[in-house]
Amino acid sequence: MTNNHKIELATFAGGCFWCMVQPFDELPGIESIISGYTGGTKENPTYEEVCSNKTGHLEAVQITFNPDVFQYEVLLELFWQQIDPTDEGGQFHDRGESYQTAIFYHSEEQRQLAEKSKQELEQSGRFKKPIVTKILEAKTFYPAEEYHQDFYKKSTARYKQYRTGSGRDRFIEQHWNETNKSQILNKLNPIQYEVTQNNGTEPPFRNEYWNNTEEGIYVDIISGKPLFSSLDKYDAGCGWPSFTKPIQDFEVIEKMDTTHGMVRTEVRSKTADSHLGHVFDDGPGPNGLRYCINSAALKFISKDDLEKEGYGKYSNLFGK
């Protein structure tokens, strides 16, 4: 971390902290994410003590981020999309005080932005019940035991089983899928429909974005969710748009694909559940991945049009 970085903290309680790391992890501008306890009175509490609901602490994550790259407003938006903000008694099958939701603000600006985002969510009509997530001044944050840190990486199978079994994934899908899919599907051209709905593949070197070098983001053509950035795009020589990573990991789903006599990993969009392409382990990035994506599954938004198209919060990715 260099001295010219502008660094801030964001602290969110969203129920089990295992589930609150991956949605924010490895995004541009995110320096670190720590699972821990905050909001209570006991110093250096243990996991068992917090779960006893006698410390006043909530399970939470503390995010160190660069607001010039990733705005606090975007963190708030992602936070709301991970929780049931109408549940006073906990989150999903985790019940009790320690699993309640809260936004802990570290400045007056953060408080105002949090209050504004909560009000906007209330007025959106997305939830029939009142929004009960609290907005509280940040208190001392105590890191959790080491085995809780980055749990989704250390115990991937158990983590996925827990998310599904707890009901969190099902709730998110039901309440945050904004796609009016039938209307949008009717507007797709034949190749877009074939790729996204029938797992098709467009011809290499004869598709819209394979050699596009303009700066901007690539969004899901059906849901409009941001998927990939030109900052992570490179010429893999395969004739399709290739990326080293998604903008947000939780917006893409990976599934085993055994069609055509091969074993591959399919990439699908989470919100629209449409076929995007495949991911391979021959990429140049730090994770060694190559996301080989069909242009027909994407819509490109240039950096100059981000504000006009409703993606202004991503302008900071390009230094605007």
C-alpha atoms as a PDB file:
ATOM      1  CA  MET A   1       0.000   0.000   0.000  1.00  0.00           C
ATOM      2  CA  THR A   2       1.528   3.302  -1.090  1.00  0.00           C
ATOM      3  CA  ASN A   3       1.162   6.685   0.547  1.00  0.00           C
ATOM      4  CA  ASN A   4      -0.655   8.209  -2.412  1.00  0.00           C
ATOM      5  CA  HIS A   5      -3.596   5.878  -1.887  1.00  0.00           C
ATOM      6  CA  LYS A   6      -6.715   7.464  -0.468  1.00  0.00           C
ATOM      7  CA  ILE A   7      -8.010   4.878   1.986  1.00  0.00           C
ATOM      8  CA  GLU A   8     -11.304   4.602   3.878  1.00  0.00           C
ATOM      9  CA  LEU A   9     -13.067   1.979   5.976  1.00  0.00           C
ATOM     10  CA  ALA A  10     -16.555   0.576   5.463  1.00  0.00           C
ATOM     11  CA  THR A  11     -18.136  -1.696   8.063  1.00  0.00           C
ATOM     12  CA  PHE A  12     -21.227  -3.809   7.399  1.00  0.00           C
ATOM     13  CA  ALA A  13     -23.102  -6.386   9.479  1.00  0.00           C
ATOM     14  CA  GLY A  14     -25.094  -8.730   7.272  1.00  0.00           C
ATOM     15  CA  GLY A  15     -25.628 -11.867   9.303  1.00  0.00           C
ATOM     16  CA  CYS A  16     -23.054 -14.653   9.046  1.00  0.00           C
ATOM     17  CA  PHE A  17     -19.801 -12.962   8.079  1.00  0.00           C
ATOM     18  CA  TRP A  18     -18.766 -15.957   5.987  1.00  0.00           C
ATOM     19  CA  CYS A  19     -21.258 -14.743   3.374  1.00  0.00           C
ATOM     20  CA  MET A  20     -20.238 -11.077   3.442  1.00  0.00           C
ATOM     21  CA  VAL A  21     -16.692 -11.361   2.087  1.00  0.00           C
ATOM     22  CA  GLN A  22     -16.938 -12.829  -1.409  1.00  0.00           C
ATOM     23  CA  PRO A  23     -19.391 -10.216  -2.798  1.00  0.00           C
ATOM     24  CA  PHE A  24     -16.829  -7.461  -2.134  1.00  0.00           C
ATOM     25  CA  ASP A  25     -13.592  -9.368  -2.526  1.00  0.00           C
ATOM     26  CA  GLU A  26     -11.107  -8.689  -5.320  1.00  0.00           C
ATOM     27  CA  LEU A  27     -13.050  -5.726  -6.730  1.00  0.00           C
ATOM     28  CA  PRO A  28     -11.046  -2.759  -8.051  1.00  0.00           C
ATOM     29  CA  GLY A  29     -10.127  -0.450  -5.187  1.00  0.00           C
ATOM     30  CA  ILE A  30     -10.769  -2.996  -2.434  1.00  0.00           C
ATOM     31  CA  GLU A  31      -7.606  -3.313  -0.343  1.00  0.00           C
ATOM     32  CA  SER A  32      -8.722  -5.858   2.257  1.00  0.00           C
ATOM     33  CA  ILE A  33     -11.755  -7.420   3.936  1.00  0.00           C
ATOM     34  CA  ILE A  34     -11.666  -8.638   7.533  1.00  0.00           C
ATOM     35  CA  SER A  35     -14.368 -10.654   9.285  1.00  0.00           C
ATOM     36  CA  GLY A  36     -14.956  -9.700  12.891  1.00  0.00           C
ATOM     37  CA  TYR A  37     -17.148  -8.362  15.660  1.00  0.00           C
ATOM     38  CA  THR A  38     -18.318  -4.837  16.448  1.00  0.00           C
ATOM     39  CA  GLY A  39     -21.078  -2.798  18.048  1.00  0.00           C
ATOM     40  CA  GLY A  40     -20.814  -4.313  21.522  1.00  0.00           C
ATOM     41  CA  THR A  41     -18.957  -3.634  24.749  1.00  0.00           C
ATOM     42  CA  LYS A  42     -16.750  -6.671  25.450  1.00  0.00           C
ATOM     43  CA  GLU A  43     -13.127  -6.315  24.416  1.00  0.00           C
ATOM     44  CA  ASN A  44     -11.606  -9.001  22.221  1.00  0.00           C
ATOM     45  CA  PRO A  45     -14.650 -11.281  22.192  1.00  0.00           C
ATOM     46  CA  THR A  46     -14.506 -14.850  20.945  1.00  0.00           C
ATOM     47  CA  TYR A  47     -16.848 -16.360  18.390  1.00  0.00           C
ATOM     48  CA  GLU A  48     -18.579 -18.410  21.085  1.00  0.00           C
ATOM     49  CA  GLU A  49     -19.112 -15.335  23.252  1.00  0.00           C
ATOM     50  CA  VAL A  50     -20.589 -13.329  20.392  1.00  0.00           C
ATOM     51  CA  CYS A  51     -22.905 -16.181  19.398  1.00  0.00           C
ATOM     52  CA  SER A  52     -24.199 -16.293  22.975  1.00  0.00           C
ATOM     53  CA  ASN A  53     -25.800 -12.878  22.299  1.00  0.00           C
ATOM     54  CA  LYS A  54     -24.420 -11.490  25.570  1.00  0.00           C
ATOM     55  CA  THR A  55     -21.712  -9.174  24.217  1.00  0.00           C
ATOM     56  CA  GLY A  56     -23.801  -6.776  22.133  1.00  0.00           C
ATOM     57  CA  HIS A  57     -21.502  -7.449  19.179  1.00  0.00           C
ATOM     58  CA  LEU A  58     -22.655  -8.227  15.649  1.00  0.00           C
ATOM     59  CA  GLU A  59     -20.825 -10.366  13.141  1.00  0.00           C
ATOM     60  CA  ALA A  60     -19.497  -7.913  10.570  1.00  0.00           C
ATOM     61  CA  VAL A  61     -16.938  -7.289   7.855  1.00  0.00           C
ATOM     62  CA  GLN A  62     -14.615  -4.302   7.703  1.00  0.00           C
ATOM     63  CA  ILE A  63     -13.567  -3.274   4.207  1.00  0.00           C
ATOM     64  CA  THR A  64     -10.524  -1.129   3.466  1.00  0.00           C
ATOM     65  CA  PHE A  65     -11.071   0.579   0.120  1.00  0.00           C
ATOM     66  CA  ASN A  66      -9.957   3.416  -2.124  1.00  0.00           C
ATOM     67  CA  PRO A  67     -12.995   5.689  -2.715  1.00  0.00           C
ATOM     68  CA  ASP A  68     -11.350   7.201  -5.789  1.00  0.00           C
ATOM     69  CA  VAL A  69     -11.559   3.782  -7.431  1.00  0.00           C
ATOM     70  CA  PHE A  70     -14.630   2.224  -5.790  1.00  0.00           C
ATOM     71  CA  GLN A  71     -17.221   4.575  -4.355  1.00  0.00           C
ATOM     72  CA  TYR A  72     -18.891   4.075  -0.983  1.00  0.00           C
ATOM     73  CA  GLU A  73     -22.283   4.319  -2.714  1.00  0.00           C
ATOM     74  CA  VAL A  74     -21.442   1.173  -4.711  1.00  0.00           C
ATOM     75  CA  LEU A  75     -20.453  -0.655  -1.525  1.00  0.00           C
ATOM     76  CA  LEU A  76     -23.820   0.292  -0.027  1.00  0.00           C
ATOM     77  CA  GLU A  77     -25.646  -0.983  -3.095  1.00  0.00           C
ATOM     78  CA  LEU A  78     -23.809  -4.302  -2.897  1.00  0.00           C
ATOM     79  CA  PHE A  79     -24.464  -4.545   0.832  1.00  0.00           C
ATOM     80  CA  TRP A  80     -28.241  -4.235   0.456  1.00  0.00           C
ATOM     81  CA  GLN A  81     -28.194  -6.951  -2.197  1.00  0.00           C
ATOM     82  CA  GLN A  82     -26.679  -9.493   0.229  1.00  0.00           C
ATOM     83  CA  ILE A  83     -29.228  -9.287   3.060  1.00  0.00           C
ATOM     84  CA  ASP A  84     -32.873  -9.344   4.115  1.00  0.00           C
ATOM     85  CA  PRO A  85     -33.136  -5.773   5.453  1.00  0.00           C
ATOM     86  CA  THR A  86     -36.614  -6.421   6.877  1.00  0.00           C
ATOM     87  CA  ASP A  87     -35.550  -9.104   9.378  1.00  0.00           C
ATOM     88  CA  GLU A  88     -35.102  -7.849  12.963  1.00  0.00           C
ATOM     89  CA  GLY A  89     -34.258 -11.237  14.460  1.00  0.00           C
ATOM     90  CA  GLY A  90     -31.212 -12.208  12.444  1.00  0.00           C
ATOM     91  CA  GLN A  91     -30.552 -13.346   8.903  1.00  0.00           C
ATOM     92  CA  PHE A  92     -32.121 -16.388   7.286  1.00  0.00           C
ATOM     93  CA  HIS A  93     -31.631 -19.455   9.500  1.00  0.00           C
ATOM     94  CA  ASP A  94     -29.165 -17.626  11.788  1.00  0.00           C
ATOM     95  CA  ARG A  95     -31.175 -16.105  14.603  1.00  0.00           C
ATOM     96  CA  GLY A  96     -30.219 -13.790  17.434  1.00  0.00           C
ATOM     97  CA  GLU A  97     -28.734 -10.360  18.082  1.00  0.00           C
ATOM     98  CA  SER A  98     -25.302 -11.192  16.704  1.00  0.00           C
ATOM     99  CA  TYR A  99     -26.812 -11.856  13.270  1.00  0.00           C
ATOM    100  CA  GLN A 100     -28.734  -8.591  12.943  1.00  0.00           C
ATOM    101  CA  THR A 101     -27.911  -6.207  10.103  1.00  0.00           C
ATOM    102  CA  ALA A 102     -26.333  -2.770  10.411  1.00  0.00           C
ATOM    103  CA  ILE A 103     -24.266  -0.186   8.577  1.00  0.00           C
ATOM    104  CA  PHE A 104     -21.525   1.271  10.770  1.00  0.00           C
ATOM    105  CA  TYR A 105     -20.497   4.688   9.434  1.00  0.00           C
ATOM    106  CA  HIS A 106     -16.986   6.102   9.836  1.00  0.00           C
ATOM    107  CA  SER A 107     -17.742   9.705   8.854  1.00  0.00           C
ATOM    108  CA  GLU A 108     -20.607  12.129   8.528  1.00  0.00           C
ATOM    109  CA  GLU A 109     -20.489  11.693   4.769  1.00  0.00           C
ATOM    110  CA  GLN A 110     -20.881   7.935   5.129  1.00  0.00           C
ATOM    111  CA  ARG A 111     -23.798   8.434   7.528  1.00  0.00           C
ATOM    112  CA  GLN A 112     -25.609  10.676   5.064  1.00  0.00           C
ATOM    113  CA  LEU A 113     -24.990   8.320   2.159  1.00  0.00           C
ATOM    114  CA  ALA A 114     -26.191   5.348   4.214  1.00  0.00           C
ATOM    115  CA  GLU A 115     -29.358   7.162   5.303  1.00  0.00           C
ATOM    116  CA  LYS A 116     -30.002   8.184   1.693  1.00  0.00           C
ATOM    117  CA  SER A 117     -29.549   4.658   0.360  1.00  0.00           C
ATOM    118  CA  LYS A 118     -31.826   3.237   3.060  1.00  0.00           C
ATOM    119  CA  GLN A 119     -34.511   5.790   2.248  1.00  0.00           C
ATOM    120  CA  GLU A 120     -34.256   5.017  -1.461  1.00  0.00           C
ATOM    121  CA  LEU A 121     -34.645   1.303  -0.742  1.00  0.00           C
ATOM    122  CA  GLU A 122     -37.701   1.963   1.403  1.00  0.00           C
ATOM    123  CA  GLN A 123     -39.285   4.095  -1.308  1.00  0.00           C
ATOM    124  CA  SER A 124     -38.501   1.598  -4.061  1.00  0.00           C
ATOM    125  CA  GLY A 125     -41.285  -0.738  -2.966  1.00  0.00           C
ATOM    126  CA  ARG A 126     -39.014  -3.747  -3.385  1.00  0.00           C
ATOM    127  CA  PHE A 127     -39.944  -4.995   0.094  1.00  0.00           C
ATOM    128  CA  LYS A 128     -43.416  -4.965   1.612  1.00  0.00           C
ATOM    129  CA  LYS A 129     -42.102  -4.883   5.183  1.00  0.00           C
ATOM    130  CA  PRO A 130     -40.221  -1.912   6.731  1.00  0.00           C
ATOM    131  CA  ILE A 131     -36.444  -1.695   6.345  1.00  0.00           C
ATOM    132  CA  VAL A 132     -35.063  -2.345   9.836  1.00  0.00           C
ATOM    133  CA  THR A 133     -31.304  -2.350   9.175  1.00  0.00           C
ATOM    134  CA  LYS A 134     -29.711   0.073  11.643  1.00  0.00           C
ATOM    135  CA  ILE A 135     -27.270   2.833  10.769  1.00  0.00           C
ATOM    136  CA  LEU A 136     -24.837   3.235  13.652  1.00  0.00           C
ATOM    137  CA  GLU A 137     -21.625   5.052  14.416  1.00  0.00           C
ATOM    138  CA  ALA A 138     -18.622   2.789  14.017  1.00  0.00           C
ATOM    139  CA  LYS A 139     -17.131   1.354  17.187  1.00  0.00           C
ATOM    140  CA  THR A 140     -14.018  -0.708  17.863  1.00  0.00           C
ATOM    141  CA  PHE A 141     -13.772  -3.583  15.402  1.00  0.00           C
ATOM    142  CA  TYR A 142     -12.308  -6.863  16.663  1.00  0.00           C
ATOM    143  CA  PRO A 143     -11.026  -9.293  13.995  1.00  0.00           C
ATOM    144  CA  ALA A 144     -12.489 -12.780  14.236  1.00  0.00           C
ATOM    145  CA  GLU A 145     -10.450 -15.931  14.665  1.00  0.00           C
ATOM    146  CA  GLU A 146      -8.181 -16.805  11.739  1.00  0.00           C
ATOM    147  CA  TYR A 147     -10.242 -19.785  10.587  1.00  0.00           C
ATOM    148  CA  HIS A 148     -13.135 -17.399   9.845  1.00  0.00           C
ATOM    149  CA  GLN A 149     -11.062 -15.174   7.548  1.00  0.00           C
ATOM    150  CA  ASP A 150     -11.663 -15.740   3.809  1.00  0.00           C
ATOM    151  CA  PHE A 151     -13.776 -18.747   4.702  1.00  0.00           C
ATOM    152  CA  TYR A 152     -15.240 -18.960   1.200  1.00  0.00           C
ATOM    153  CA  LYS A 153     -11.733 -19.650  -0.142  1.00  0.00           C
ATOM    154  CA  LYS A 154     -10.596 -22.010   2.606  1.00  0.00           C
ATOM    155  CA  SER A 155     -13.727 -24.181   2.673  1.00  0.00           C
ATOM    156  CA  THR A 156     -15.384 -23.592  -0.693  1.00  0.00           C
ATOM    157  CA  ALA A 157     -17.688 -26.611  -0.673  1.00  0.00           C
ATOM    158  CA  ARG A 158     -18.890 -26.005   2.888  1.00  0.00           C
ATOM    159  CA  TYR A 159     -19.367 -22.301   2.140  1.00  0.00           C
ATOM    160  CA  LYS A 160     -21.538 -22.943  -0.919  1.00  0.00           C
ATOM    161  CA  GLN A 161     -23.545 -25.574   0.943  1.00  0.00           C
ATOM    162  CA  TYR A 162     -24.094 -23.163   3.820  1.00  0.00           C
ATOM    163  CA  ARG A 163     -25.227 -20.290   1.572  1.00  0.00           C
ATOM    164  CA  THR A 164     -27.717 -22.506  -0.228  1.00  0.00           C
ATOM    165  CA  GLY A 165     -28.963 -24.259   2.895  1.00  0.00           C
ATOM    166  CA  SER A 166     -29.424 -21.036   4.846  1.00  0.00           C
ATOM    167  CA  GLY A 167     -31.823 -19.650   2.246  1.00  0.00           C
ATOM    168  CA  ARG A 168     -29.673 -16.602   1.499  1.00  0.00           C
ATOM    169  CA  ASP A 169     -29.083 -17.413  -2.167  1.00  0.00           C
ATOM    170  CA  ARG A 170     -32.754 -18.131  -2.779  1.00  0.00           C
ATOM    171  CA  PHE A 171     -33.787 -14.863  -1.108  1.00  0.00           C
ATOM    172  CA  ILE A 172     -31.311 -12.823  -3.153  1.00  0.00           C
ATOM    173  CA  GLU A 173     -32.489 -14.404  -6.379  1.00  0.00           C
ATOM    174  CA  GLN A 174     -36.141 -13.750  -5.547  1.00  0.00           C
ATOM    175  CA  HIS A 175     -35.737 -10.123  -4.464  1.00  0.00           C
ATOM    176  CA  TRP A 176     -32.927  -8.767  -6.595  1.00  0.00           C
ATOM    177  CA  ASN A 177     -33.658 -10.248 -10.021  1.00  0.00           C
ATOM    178  CA  GLU A 178     -34.830  -7.102 -11.764  1.00  0.00           C
ATOM    179  CA  THR A 179     -35.111  -8.636 -15.207  1.00  0.00           C
ATOM    180  CA  ASN A 180     -38.445  -8.638 -17.008  1.00  0.00           C
ATOM    181  CA  LYS A 181     -37.029 -11.514 -18.974  1.00  0.00           C
ATOM    182  CA  SER A 182     -39.849 -12.318 -21.390  1.00  0.00           C
ATOM    183  CA  GLN A 183     -40.004  -8.777 -22.762  1.00  0.00           C
ATOM    184  CA  ILE A 184     -36.236  -8.549 -23.180  1.00  0.00           C
ATOM    185  CA  LEU A 185     -35.934 -11.951 -24.839  1.00  0.00           C
ATOM    186  CA  ASN A 186     -38.379 -10.822 -27.522  1.00  0.00           C
ATOM    187  CA  LYS A 187     -35.965  -8.025 -28.443  1.00  0.00           C
ATOM    188  CA  LEU A 188     -32.906 -10.231 -28.895  1.00  0.00           C
ATOM    189  CA  ASN A 189     -31.642 -10.951 -32.375  1.00  0.00           C
ATOM    190  CA  PRO A 190     -31.267 -14.644 -33.416  1.00  0.00           C
ATOM    191  CA  ILE A 191     -27.597 -15.018 -32.433  1.00  0.00           C
ATOM    192  CA  GLN A 192     -28.136 -13.259 -29.087  1.00  0.00           C
ATOM    193  CA  TYR A 193     -31.035 -15.594 -28.316  1.00  0.00           C
ATOM    194  CA  GLU A 194     -29.141 -18.690 -29.463  1.00  0.00           C
ATOM    195  CA  VAL A 195     -26.102 -17.862 -27.320  1.00  0.00           C
ATOM    196  CA  THR A 196     -27.834 -16.753 -24.124  1.00  0.00           C
ATOM    197  CA  GLN A 197     -30.789 -19.161 -24.081  1.00  0.00           C
ATOM    198  CA  ASN A 198     -29.538 -22.241 -25.949  1.00  0.00           C
ATOM    199  CA  ASN A 199     -25.884 -22.204 -24.837  1.00  0.00           C
ATOM    200  CA  GLY A 200     -24.774 -21.415 -28.365  1.00  0.00           C
ATOM    201  CA  THR A 201     -21.422 -20.103 -29.544  1.00  0.00           C
ATOM    202  CA  GLU A 202     -20.948 -17.327 -32.075  1.00  0.00           C
ATOM    203  CA  PRO A 203     -18.245 -17.548 -34.793  1.00  0.00           C
ATOM    204  CA  PRO A 204     -14.736 -16.499 -33.730  1.00  0.00           C
ATOM    205  CA  PHE A 205     -13.339 -13.299 -35.243  1.00  0.00           C
ATOM    206  CA  ARG A 206     -16.829 -12.509 -36.593  1.00  0.00           C
ATOM    207  CA  ASN A 207     -18.497 -11.019 -33.555  1.00  0.00           C
ATOM    208  CA  GLU A 208     -18.940  -7.521 -32.243  1.00  0.00           C
ATOM    209  CA  TYR A 209     -16.378  -7.147 -29.461  1.00  0.00           C
ATOM    210  CA  TRP A 210     -13.540  -9.615 -30.079  1.00  0.00           C
ATOM    211  CA  ASN A 211     -11.189  -6.812 -31.163  1.00  0.00           C
ATOM    212  CA  ASN A 212     -12.817  -3.885 -29.368  1.00  0.00           C
ATOM    213  CA  THR A 213     -10.124  -1.790 -27.663  1.00  0.00           C
ATOM    214  CA  GLU A 214     -12.319   1.060 -26.403  1.00  0.00           C
ATOM    215  CA  GLU A 215     -12.405   1.709 -22.649  1.00  0.00           C
ATOM    216  CA  GLY A 216     -15.608   0.892 -20.803  1.00  0.00           C
ATOM    217  CA  ILE A 217     -17.581  -1.929 -19.233  1.00  0.00           C
ATOM    218  CA  TYR A 218     -19.418  -4.932 -20.642  1.00  0.00           C
ATOM    219  CA  VAL A 219     -22.842  -5.600 -19.140  1.00  0.00           C
ATOM    220  CA  ASP A 220     -25.241  -8.534 -19.376  1.00  0.00           C
ATOM    221  CA  ILE A 221     -27.380  -7.925 -22.453  1.00  0.00           C
ATOM    222  CA  ILE A 222     -30.456  -9.219 -20.611  1.00  0.00           C
ATOM    223  CA  SER A 223     -30.177  -7.969 -17.015  1.00  0.00           C
ATOM    224  CA  GLY A 224     -27.865  -5.007 -17.596  1.00  0.00           C
ATOM    225  CA  LYS A 225     -25.659  -6.104 -14.710  1.00  0.00           C
ATOM    226  CA  PRO A 226     -21.975  -5.104 -15.059  1.00  0.00           C
ATOM    227  CA  LEU A 227     -19.902  -8.188 -15.842  1.00  0.00           C
ATOM    228  CA  PHE A 228     -16.485  -7.281 -17.264  1.00  0.00           C
ATOM    229  CA  SER A 229     -14.246  -4.232 -17.715  1.00  0.00           C
ATOM    230  CA  SER A 230     -11.973  -3.241 -20.580  1.00  0.00           C
ATOM    231  CA  LEU A 231      -9.276  -2.900 -17.915  1.00  0.00           C
ATOM    232  CA  ASP A 232      -9.257  -6.702 -17.660  1.00  0.00           C
ATOM    233  CA  LYS A 233      -9.716  -7.424 -21.399  1.00  0.00           C
ATOM    234  CA  TYR A 234      -6.872  -8.756 -23.535  1.00  0.00           C
ATOM    235  CA  ASP A 235      -6.294 -10.349 -26.929  1.00  0.00           C
ATOM    236  CA  ALA A 236      -6.087 -14.087 -26.345  1.00  0.00           C
ATOM    237  CA  GLY A 237      -5.945 -14.800 -30.073  1.00  0.00           C
ATOM    238  CA  CYS A 238      -9.081 -16.963 -29.879  1.00  0.00           C
ATOM    239  CA  GLY A 239     -11.467 -14.622 -31.707  1.00  0.00           C
ATOM    240  CA  TRP A 240     -13.780 -13.932 -28.769  1.00  0.00           C
ATOM    241  CA  PRO A 241     -13.623 -11.236 -26.068  1.00  0.00           C
ATOM    242  CA  SER A 242     -11.315 -12.477 -23.318  1.00  0.00           C
ATOM    243  CA  PHE A 243     -11.006 -11.176 -19.758  1.00  0.00           C
ATOM    244  CA  THR A 244      -8.824 -12.066 -16.780  1.00  0.00           C
ATOM    245  CA  LYS A 245     -11.644 -11.576 -14.266  1.00  0.00           C
ATOM    246  CA  PRO A 246     -15.203 -10.269 -13.825  1.00  0.00           C
ATOM    247  CA  ILE A 247     -15.931  -6.865 -12.314  1.00  0.00           C
ATOM    248  CA  GLN A 248     -17.861  -8.623  -9.528  1.00  0.00           C
ATOM    249  CA  ASP A 249     -17.414 -12.342  -8.920  1.00  0.00           C
ATOM    250  CA  PHE A 250     -20.921 -12.831  -7.573  1.00  0.00           C
ATOM    251  CA  GLU A 251     -22.507 -11.738 -10.866  1.00  0.00           C
ATOM    252  CA  VAL A 252     -21.149 -14.788 -12.702  1.00  0.00           C
ATOM    253  CA  ILE A 253     -21.804 -18.453 -12.000  1.00  0.00           C
ATOM    254  CA  GLU A 254     -19.537 -21.314 -13.042  1.00  0.00           C
ATOM    255  CA  LYS A 255     -20.944 -24.736 -13.967  1.00  0.00           C
ATOM    256  CA  MET A 256     -19.409 -27.935 -15.310  1.00  0.00           C
ATOM    257  CA  ASP A 257     -20.072 -28.406 -19.033  1.00  0.00           C
ATOM    258  CA  THR A 258     -19.618 -31.885 -20.551  1.00  0.00           C
ATOM    259  CA  THR A 259     -21.146 -31.186 -23.965  1.00  0.00           C
ATOM    260  CA  HIS A 260     -19.342 -31.794 -27.282  1.00  0.00           C
ATOM    261  CA  GLY A 261     -17.216 -34.535 -25.718  1.00  0.00           C
ATOM    262  CA  MET A 262     -15.295 -32.071 -23.557  1.00  0.00           C
ATOM    263  CA  VAL A 263     -15.129 -31.162 -19.883  1.00  0.00           C
ATOM    264  CA  ARG A 264     -15.220 -27.387 -19.539  1.00  0.00           C
ATOM    265  CA  THR A 265     -16.385 -24.746 -17.077  1.00  0.00           C
ATOM    266  CA  GLU A 266     -19.349 -22.770 -18.325  1.00  0.00           C
ATOM    267  CA  VAL A 267     -19.850 -19.148 -17.277  1.00  0.00           C
ATOM    268  CA  ARG A 268     -23.417 -17.917 -16.765  1.00  0.00           C
ATOM    269  CA  SER A 269     -24.834 -14.603 -15.577  1.00  0.00           C
ATOM    270  CA  LYS A 270     -26.304 -14.883 -12.090  1.00  0.00           C
ATOM    271  CA  THR A 271     -29.199 -12.466 -12.452  1.00  0.00           C
ATOM    272  CA  ALA A 272     -30.461 -13.427 -15.921  1.00  0.00           C
ATOM    273  CA  ASP A 273     -29.198 -17.034 -15.834  1.00  0.00           C
ATOM    274  CA  SER A 274     -27.982 -16.684 -19.416  1.00  0.00           C
ATOM    275  CA  HIS A 275     -25.042 -18.438 -21.050  1.00  0.00           C
ATOM    276  CA  LEU A 276     -22.006 -16.175 -21.403  1.00  0.00           C
ATOM    277  CA  GLY A 277     -19.141 -18.463 -22.425  1.00  0.00           C
ATOM    278  CA  HIS A 278     -16.453 -20.495 -20.679  1.00  0.00           C
ATOM    279  CA  VAL A 279     -13.531 -19.921 -18.335  1.00  0.00           C
ATOM    280  CA  PHE A 280     -10.139 -21.556 -18.834  1.00  0.00           C
ATOM    281  CA  ASP A 281      -6.970 -21.722 -16.734  1.00  0.00           C
ATOM    282  CA  ASP A 282      -4.585 -20.395 -19.395  1.00  0.00           C
ATOM    283  CA  GLY A 283      -4.960 -16.665 -18.755  1.00  0.00           C
ATOM    284  CA  PRO A 284      -2.197 -14.116 -18.086  1.00  0.00           C
ATOM    285  CA  GLY A 285      -3.626 -12.585 -14.912  1.00  0.00           C
ATOM    286  CA  PRO A 286      -2.646 -13.327 -11.294  1.00  0.00           C
ATOM    287  CA  ASN A 287      -5.355 -16.011 -11.069  1.00  0.00           C
ATOM    288  CA  GLY A 288      -4.352 -17.564 -14.387  1.00  0.00           C
ATOM    289  CA  LEU A 289      -7.920 -17.385 -15.739  1.00  0.00           C
ATOM    290  CA  ARG A 290      -9.276 -16.587 -19.197  1.00  0.00           C
ATOM    291  CA  TYR A 291     -12.967 -15.750 -19.387  1.00  0.00           C
ATOM    292  CA  CYS A 292     -13.818 -16.445 -23.027  1.00  0.00           C
ATOM    293  CA  ILE A 293     -17.156 -14.691 -23.557  1.00  0.00           C
ATOM    294  CA  ASN A 294     -19.570 -14.412 -26.469  1.00  0.00           C
ATOM    295  CA  SER A 295     -20.081 -10.858 -27.706  1.00  0.00           C
ATOM    296  CA  ALA A 296     -23.754 -11.715 -28.251  1.00  0.00           C
ATOM    297  CA  ALA A 297     -24.232 -12.052 -24.487  1.00  0.00           C
ATOM    298  CA  LEU A 298     -22.823  -8.587 -23.812  1.00  0.00           C
ATOM    299  CA  LYS A 299     -23.562  -4.916 -24.300  1.00  0.00           C
ATOM    300  CA  PHE A 300     -20.632  -2.515 -24.254  1.00  0.00           C
ATOM    301  CA  ILE A 301     -20.889   0.827 -22.422  1.00  0.00           C
ATOM    302  CA  SER A 302     -18.029   3.182 -23.225  1.00  0.00           C
ATOM    303  CA  LYS A 303     -16.471   5.114 -20.369  1.00  0.00           C
ATOM    304  CA  ASP A 304     -17.819   8.367 -21.829  1.00  0.00           C
ATOM    305  CA  ASP A 305     -21.389   7.021 -21.756  1.00  0.00           C
ATOM    306  CA  LEU A 306     -21.360   5.469 -18.275  1.00  0.00           C
ATOM    307  CA  GLU A 307     -23.169   8.382 -16.624  1.00  0.00           C
ATOM    308  CA  LYS A 308     -25.750   8.685 -19.397  1.00  0.00           C
ATOM    309  CA  GLU A 309     -26.485   4.942 -19.358  1.00  0.00           C
ATOM    310  CA  GLY A 310     -26.906   4.788 -15.570  1.00  0.00           C
ATOM    311  CA  TYR A 311     -23.500   3.325 -14.750  1.00  0.00           C
ATOM    312  CA  GLY A 312     -21.869   6.540 -13.503  1.00  0.00           C
ATOM    313  CA  LYS A 313     -20.711   4.866 -10.299  1.00  0.00           C
ATOM    314  CA  TYR A 314     -18.213   2.866 -12.401  1.00  0.00           C
ATOM    315  CA  SER A 315     -16.556   5.962 -13.906  1.00  0.00           C
ATOM    316  CA  ASN A 316     -13.918   5.965 -11.200  1.00  0.00           C
ATOM    317  CA  LEU A 317     -12.566   2.714 -12.607  1.00  0.00           C
ATOM    318  CA  PHE A 318     -11.237   4.808 -15.478  1.00  0.00           C
ATOM    319  CA  GLY A 319      -9.974   7.747 -13.415  1.00  0.00           C
ATOM    320  CA  LYS A 320     -12.937  10.023 -14.096  1.00  0.00           C
END
